[in-house]
């Protein structure tokens, strides 16, 4: 992702911090960033450009319907709230999540999932963009196949949806991981 987009996403979080302060929420609100922008903010290189910052909150938070920032080239980046209930997540993802941008905000604690949990979420959807993101994630982050499989099997116990689709997506993702590992070893 270009730095052109990174700054507006950070500015978007500054605006969010001010809105939460204005709403009088006590204590820090925990925000989990997911998706391509989160991968970039977490330091993973080579991620595609995106114009949305996908996230969900640990608790309910009252926010305006639209929250956006303009880039220096006139494009709009938005904060998109997603539902953690309909995504494929390991039940302990929050225990592994890492805080980023420490000390930058008074009212929000910004968390990103580990590459393993990001991979699981991408496997759960497995759309074309998710597959592209997985390829980059697998190339940039050394993931242990056995550990990813362990997390997948544990998360699958809590999954409500088409298990056959999920298993097929996981198998294809594992093939992708193995291929990326072989390419990196060359």
Protein backbone atom coordinates (compact mmCIF):
# COMPACT_ATOMS: atom_id res chain seq x y z
CA UNK A 1 0.00 0.00 0.00
CA UNK A 2 1.28 3.46 -0.84
CA UNK A 3 2.19 5.86 1.96
CA UNK A 4 -0.34 8.10 0.25
CA UNK A 5 -3.03 5.98 1.95
CA UNK A 6 -1.30 5.26 5.25
CA UNK A 7 -1.47 8.86 6.50
CA UNK A 8 -5.22 9.31 5.79
CA UNK A 9 -5.93 6.04 7.64
CA UNK A 10 -3.99 7.37 10.63
CA UNK A 11 -5.90 10.67 10.39
CA UNK A 12 -9.14 8.68 10.28
CA UNK A 13 -8.18 7.05 13.59
CA UNK A 14 -7.41 10.48 15.09
CA UNK A 15 -10.95 11.60 14.10
CA UNK A 16 -12.40 8.43 15.58
CA UNK A 17 -10.52 9.07 18.83
CA UNK A 18 -12.02 12.59 19.05
CA UNK A 19 -15.55 11.33 18.32
CA UNK A 20 -15.31 8.73 21.07
CA UNK A 21 -14.03 11.38 23.48
CA UNK A 22 -16.95 13.67 22.54
CA UNK A 23 -19.42 10.82 23.16
CA UNK A 24 -18.12 10.52 26.74
CA UNK A 25 -17.17 6.83 26.65
CA UNK A 26 -15.22 5.93 29.79
CA UNK A 27 -11.98 4.04 29.38
CA UNK A 28 -10.30 3.13 26.12
CA UNK A 29 -12.37 1.59 23.38
CA UNK A 30 -10.66 -1.45 21.87
CA UNK A 31 -10.65 -1.39 18.08
CA UNK A 32 -9.54 -4.37 15.99
CA UNK A 33 -8.28 -3.53 12.52
CA UNK A 34 -8.62 -6.23 9.88
CA UNK A 35 -8.10 -6.45 6.14
CA UNK A 36 -5.51 -4.99 3.77
CA UNK A 37 -5.11 -1.63 5.54
CA UNK A 38 -4.59 -3.39 8.87
CA UNK A 39 -1.96 -5.62 7.31
CA UNK A 40 -0.11 -2.52 6.10
CA UNK A 41 -0.41 -0.69 9.43
CA UNK A 42 0.92 -3.86 11.09
CA UNK A 43 4.05 -3.60 8.94
CA UNK A 44 3.36 -6.31 6.35
CA UNK A 45 4.89 -5.19 3.04
CA UNK A 46 3.49 -5.47 -0.47
CA UNK A 47 -0.22 -5.20 0.35
CA UNK A 48 -2.61 -3.93 -2.31
CA UNK A 49 -4.04 -0.41 -2.09
CA UNK A 50 -7.41 -0.18 -0.43
CA UNK A 51 -9.73 2.70 0.32
CA UNK A 52 -11.29 1.28 3.46
CA UNK A 53 -10.11 0.55 6.96
CA UNK A 54 -12.10 -2.52 8.03
CA UNK A 55 -12.56 -2.82 11.76
CA UNK A 56 -14.73 -4.01 14.59
CA UNK A 57 -14.98 -2.95 18.20
CA UNK A 58 -14.76 -5.03 21.34
CA UNK A 59 -17.82 -3.21 22.71
CA UNK A 60 -20.71 -1.32 21.15
CA UNK A 61 -19.71 2.18 20.10
CA UNK A 62 -21.98 4.92 18.79
CA UNK A 63 -20.47 6.44 15.63
CA UNK A 64 -21.64 8.52 12.68
CA UNK A 65 -22.87 6.49 9.71
CA UNK A 66 -19.96 7.64 7.58
CA UNK A 67 -16.45 8.29 8.77
CA UNK A 68 -13.95 9.18 6.05
CA UNK A 69 -10.79 11.09 5.21
CA UNK A 70 -9.52 12.49 1.92
CA UNK A 71 -6.11 11.54 0.51
CA UNK A 72 -3.74 14.15 -0.94
CA UNK A 73 -4.78 13.04 -4.44
CA UNK A 74 -8.48 13.59 -3.73
CA UNK A 75 -9.53 9.99 -3.08
CA UNK A 76 -11.68 9.08 -0.09
CA UNK A 77 -10.74 6.47 2.52
CA UNK A 78 -13.42 5.22 4.88
CA UNK A 79 -13.77 3.46 8.20
CA UNK A 80 -15.90 0.36 7.58
CA UNK A 81 -17.32 -1.40 10.59
CA UNK A 82 -17.67 -5.12 10.07
CA UNK A 83 -19.39 -7.68 12.24
CA UNK A 84 -17.13 -10.01 14.14
CA UNK A 85 -20.08 -12.39 14.42
CA UNK A 86 -20.15 -13.26 10.72
CA UNK A 87 -16.40 -13.61 10.23
CA UNK A 88 -14.33 -16.74 10.70
CA UNK A 89 -12.38 -15.98 13.87
CA UNK A 90 -10.59 -18.11 16.41
CA UNK A 91 -12.24 -17.61 19.83
CA UNK A 92 -8.90 -16.52 21.35
CA UNK A 93 -7.81 -14.12 18.60
CA UNK A 94 -7.94 -11.16 21.00
CA UNK A 95 -5.40 -12.77 23.34
CA UNK A 96 -2.90 -12.90 20.47
CA UNK A 97 -3.70 -9.50 18.95
CA UNK A 98 -1.00 -6.84 19.08
CA UNK A 99 -1.48 -3.20 19.99
CA UNK A 100 -0.14 -0.72 17.45
CA UNK A 101 0.17 3.06 17.54
CA UNK A 102 0.71 2.91 21.29
CA UNK A 103 0.36 6.31 22.96
CA UNK A 104 -1.12 8.04 19.91
CA UNK A 105 -4.71 8.06 21.13
CA UNK A 106 -6.47 8.93 24.38
CA UNK A 107 -9.69 7.03 23.80
CA UNK A 108 -8.93 4.09 21.53
CA UNK A 109 -6.62 1.13 21.77
CA UNK A 110 -5.77 0.02 18.23
CA UNK A 111 -5.18 -3.70 17.82
CA UNK A 112 -4.23 -5.84 14.85
CA UNK A 113 -4.61 -9.57 14.65
CA UNK A 114 -1.64 -11.86 14.24
CA UNK A 115 -0.88 -13.03 10.71
CA UNK A 116 -2.41 -16.40 11.71
CA UNK A 117 -5.71 -14.83 12.71
CA UNK A 118 -5.69 -12.57 9.64
CA UNK A 119 -5.17 -15.69 7.52
CA UNK A 120 -8.10 -17.49 9.18
CA UNK A 121 -10.39 -14.54 8.57
CA UNK A 122 -9.33 -14.35 4.91
CA UNK A 123 -9.84 -18.12 4.55
CA UNK A 124 -13.35 -17.76 5.96
CA UNK A 125 -14.36 -15.43 3.13
CA UNK A 126 -11.90 -16.55 0.45
CA UNK A 127 -13.01 -14.05 -2.19
CA UNK A 128 -10.53 -13.13 -4.93
CA UNK A 129 -9.12 -10.19 -2.93
CA UNK A 130 -8.78 -12.40 0.14
CA UNK A 131 -6.81 -14.91 -1.89
CA UNK A 132 -4.51 -12.15 -3.17
CA UNK A 133 -4.02 -10.90 0.40
CA UNK A 134 -3.26 -14.44 1.57
CA UNK A 135 -0.56 -14.86 -1.08
CA UNK A 136 1.14 -11.68 0.12
CA UNK A 137 0.69 -12.63 3.76
CA UNK A 138 2.20 -16.07 3.16
CA UNK A 139 5.14 -14.55 1.25
CA UNK A 140 5.86 -11.87 3.84
CA UNK A 141 5.16 -13.72 7.10
CA UNK A 142 6.65 -17.09 7.93
CA UNK A 143 3.63 -19.09 9.09
CA UNK A 144 3.92 -22.53 10.63
CA UNK A 145 1.59 -24.91 8.79
CA UNK A 146 0.95 -27.09 11.86
CA UNK A 147 0.08 -24.11 14.05
CA UNK A 148 -2.21 -22.60 11.41
CA UNK A 149 -3.94 -25.98 11.05
CA UNK A 150 -4.35 -26.25 14.84
CA UNK A 151 -5.95 -22.79 15.02
CA UNK A 152 -8.16 -23.60 12.03
CA UNK A 153 -9.48 -26.81 13.59
CA UNK A 154 -10.16 -25.05 16.90
CA UNK A 155 -11.94 -22.13 15.20
CA UNK A 156 -13.96 -24.48 13.03
CA UNK A 157 -15.65 -25.85 16.17
CA UNK A 158 -17.34 -22.45 16.61
CA UNK A 159 -18.15 -21.84 12.97
CA UNK A 160 -21.77 -21.56 11.86
CA UNK A 161 -21.94 -21.87 8.10
CA UNK A 162 -21.01 -24.08 5.21
CA UNK A 163 -18.25 -26.32 6.60
CA UNK A 164 -17.60 -27.88 3.20
CA UNK A 165 -16.85 -24.45 1.68
CA UNK A 166 -14.65 -23.59 4.64
CA UNK A 167 -12.70 -26.87 4.40
CA UNK A 168 -12.19 -26.38 0.67
CA UNK A 169 -11.01 -22.81 1.21
CA UNK A 170 -8.61 -23.99 3.91
CA UNK A 171 -7.18 -26.72 1.67
CA UNK A 172 -6.64 -24.24 -1.17
CA UNK A 173 -5.06 -21.76 1.24
CA UNK A 174 -2.69 -24.44 2.55
CA UNK A 175 -1.68 -25.28 -1.02
CA UNK A 176 -1.01 -21.56 -1.50
CA UNK A 177 1.06 -21.42 1.72
CA UNK A 178 3.14 -24.42 0.65
CA UNK A 179 3.69 -22.92 -2.80
CA UNK A 180 4.73 -19.56 -1.32
CA UNK A 181 7.11 -21.34 1.08
CA UNK A 182 8.73 -23.21 -1.82
CA UNK A 183 9.06 -19.99 -3.85
CA UNK A 184 10.67 -18.22 -0.88
CA UNK A 185 13.13 -21.09 -0.37
CA UNK A 186 14.41 -20.81 -3.97
